[in-house]
Amino acid sequence: MFDLSKLSFVPKKTGVYVFFNSNKKIIYIGKAKNLKSRISSYFKKNNNGLKNNILVSKVCFFDYYFTETEKDA
């Protein structure tokens, strides 16, 4: 299960984020102008799309990498 408290440590920077499942396999890669905002958006109660719910149910941890611009991401 994903620990929501880890979201408080995500910076508001541009970059790439990676979601992993319990087997440490990549299940999603995305890019963002604001990593904190984008990653947090997946775990909000009002984001109830089927695709999102399935993805979020499988996320165990994530990582992120900074880029200079969104285009670089």
C-alpha atoms as a PDB file:
ATOM      1  CA  MET A   1       0.000   0.000   0.000  1.00  0.00           C
ATOM      2  CA  PHE A   2       1.210   3.476  -0.857  1.00  0.00           C
ATOM      3  CA  ASP A   3       2.205   5.786   2.023  1.00  0.00           C
ATOM      4  CA  LEU A   4       0.491   9.140   1.294  1.00  0.00           C
ATOM      5  CA  SER A   5       2.734  10.969   3.771  1.00  0.00           C
ATOM      6  CA  LYS A   6       5.610  10.655   1.270  1.00  0.00           C
ATOM      7  CA  LEU A   7       3.822  13.148  -1.006  1.00  0.00           C
ATOM      8  CA  SER A   8       4.734  15.965   1.393  1.00  0.00           C
ATOM      9  CA  PHE A   9       8.404  15.512   0.463  1.00  0.00           C
ATOM     10  CA  VAL A  10       7.933  15.858  -3.300  1.00  0.00           C
ATOM     11  CA  PRO A  11       9.296  19.208  -4.576  1.00  0.00           C
ATOM     12  CA  LYS A  12       7.429  21.616  -6.840  1.00  0.00           C
ATOM     13  CA  LYS A  13       9.928  21.164  -9.669  1.00  0.00           C
ATOM     14  CA  THR A  14       9.786  20.020 -13.282  1.00  0.00           C
ATOM     15  CA  GLY A  15      10.630  16.409 -13.945  1.00  0.00           C
ATOM     16  CA  VAL A  16       9.711  12.807 -14.620  1.00  0.00           C
ATOM     17  CA  TYR A  17       7.999  10.514 -12.135  1.00  0.00           C
ATOM     18  CA  VAL A  18       7.885   6.731 -12.046  1.00  0.00           C
ATOM     19  CA  PHE A  19       5.335   4.545 -10.235  1.00  0.00           C
ATOM     20  CA  PHE A  20       6.317   1.024  -9.140  1.00  0.00           C
ATOM     21  CA  ASN A  21       4.258  -1.957  -7.999  1.00  0.00           C
ATOM     22  CA  SER A  22       5.019  -4.298  -5.101  1.00  0.00           C
ATOM     23  CA  ASN A  23       7.392  -6.308  -7.308  1.00  0.00           C
ATOM     24  CA  LYS A  24       9.452  -3.166  -7.998  1.00  0.00           C
ATOM     25  CA  LYS A  25       8.301  -3.164 -11.622  1.00  0.00           C
ATOM     26  CA  ILE A  26       7.577   0.113 -13.382  1.00  0.00           C
ATOM     27  CA  ILE A  27       3.840   0.481 -13.963  1.00  0.00           C
ATOM     28  CA  TYR A  28       3.694   4.124 -15.080  1.00  0.00           C
ATOM     29  CA  ILE A  29       6.017   6.938 -16.193  1.00  0.00           C
ATOM     30  CA  GLY A  30       4.869  10.524 -16.487  1.00  0.00           C
ATOM     31  CA  LYS A  31       6.166  14.069 -16.747  1.00  0.00           C
ATOM     32  CA  ALA A  32       5.180  17.226 -14.933  1.00  0.00           C
ATOM     33  CA  LYS A  33       5.857  20.929 -14.655  1.00  0.00           C
ATOM     34  CA  ASN A  34       5.173  20.575 -10.941  1.00  0.00           C
ATOM     35  CA  LEU A  35       5.990  17.101  -9.609  1.00  0.00           C
ATOM     36  CA  LYS A  36       4.270  17.619  -6.249  1.00  0.00           C
ATOM     37  CA  SER A  37       1.005  18.734  -7.826  1.00  0.00           C
ATOM     38  CA  ARG A  38       0.950  16.070 -10.524  1.00  0.00           C
ATOM     39  CA  ILE A  39       1.849  13.090  -8.347  1.00  0.00           C
ATOM     40  CA  SER A  40      -0.581  14.220  -5.640  1.00  0.00           C
ATOM     41  CA  SER A  41      -3.394  14.505  -8.193  1.00  0.00           C
ATOM     42  CA  TYR A  42      -3.451  10.732  -8.638  1.00  0.00           C
ATOM     43  CA  PHE A  43      -4.303  10.184  -4.985  1.00  0.00           C
ATOM     44  CA  LYS A  44      -7.107  12.754  -4.572  1.00  0.00           C
ATOM     45  CA  LYS A  45     -10.565  11.410  -3.762  1.00  0.00           C
ATOM     46  CA  ASN A  46     -12.218  13.328  -6.619  1.00  0.00           C
ATOM     47  CA  ASN A  47     -10.008  11.658  -9.261  1.00  0.00           C
ATOM     48  CA  ASN A  48     -12.228   8.587  -9.671  1.00  0.00           C
ATOM     49  CA  GLY A  49     -11.656   7.459 -13.253  1.00  0.00           C
ATOM     50  CA  LEU A  50     -11.420   3.708 -13.766  1.00  0.00           C
ATOM     51  CA  LYS A  51      -7.919   3.890 -15.261  1.00  0.00           C
ATOM     52  CA  ASN A  52      -6.710   6.029 -12.365  1.00  0.00           C
ATOM     53  CA  ASN A  53      -8.289   3.782  -9.720  1.00  0.00           C
ATOM     54  CA  ILE A  54      -6.635   0.689 -11.170  1.00  0.00           C
ATOM     55  CA  LEU A  55      -3.252   2.408 -11.405  1.00  0.00           C
ATOM     56  CA  VAL A  56      -3.394   3.885  -7.896  1.00  0.00           C
ATOM     57  CA  SER A  57      -4.419   0.540  -6.400  1.00  0.00           C
ATOM     58  CA  LYS A  58      -1.169  -0.978  -7.689  1.00  0.00           C
ATOM     59  CA  VAL A  59       1.272   1.815  -6.755  1.00  0.00           C
ATOM     60  CA  CYS A  60       3.548   0.870  -3.857  1.00  0.00           C
ATOM     61  CA  PHE A  61       6.240   3.497  -4.254  1.00  0.00           C
ATOM     62  CA  PHE A  62       7.494   6.113  -6.657  1.00  0.00           C
ATOM     63  CA  ASP A  63      10.626   7.936  -7.700  1.00  0.00           C
ATOM     64  CA  TYR A  64      11.221  11.168  -9.572  1.00  0.00           C
ATOM     65  CA  TYR A  65      13.966  12.873 -11.524  1.00  0.00           C
ATOM     66  CA  PHE A  66      14.417  16.587 -12.118  1.00  0.00           C
ATOM     67  CA  THR A  67      14.718  18.107 -15.571  1.00  0.00           C
ATOM     68  CA  GLU A  68      15.507  21.663 -16.620  1.00  0.00           C
ATOM     69  CA  THR A  69      12.312  22.014 -18.671  1.00  0.00           C
ATOM     70  CA  GLU A  70       9.097  20.119 -19.327  1.00  0.00           C
ATOM     71  CA  LYS A  71      10.329  19.500 -22.863  1.00  0.00           C
ATOM     72  CA  ASP A  72      13.408  17.736 -21.422  1.00  0.00           C
ATOM     73  CA  ALA A  73      11.085  15.497 -19.424  1.00  0.00           C
END
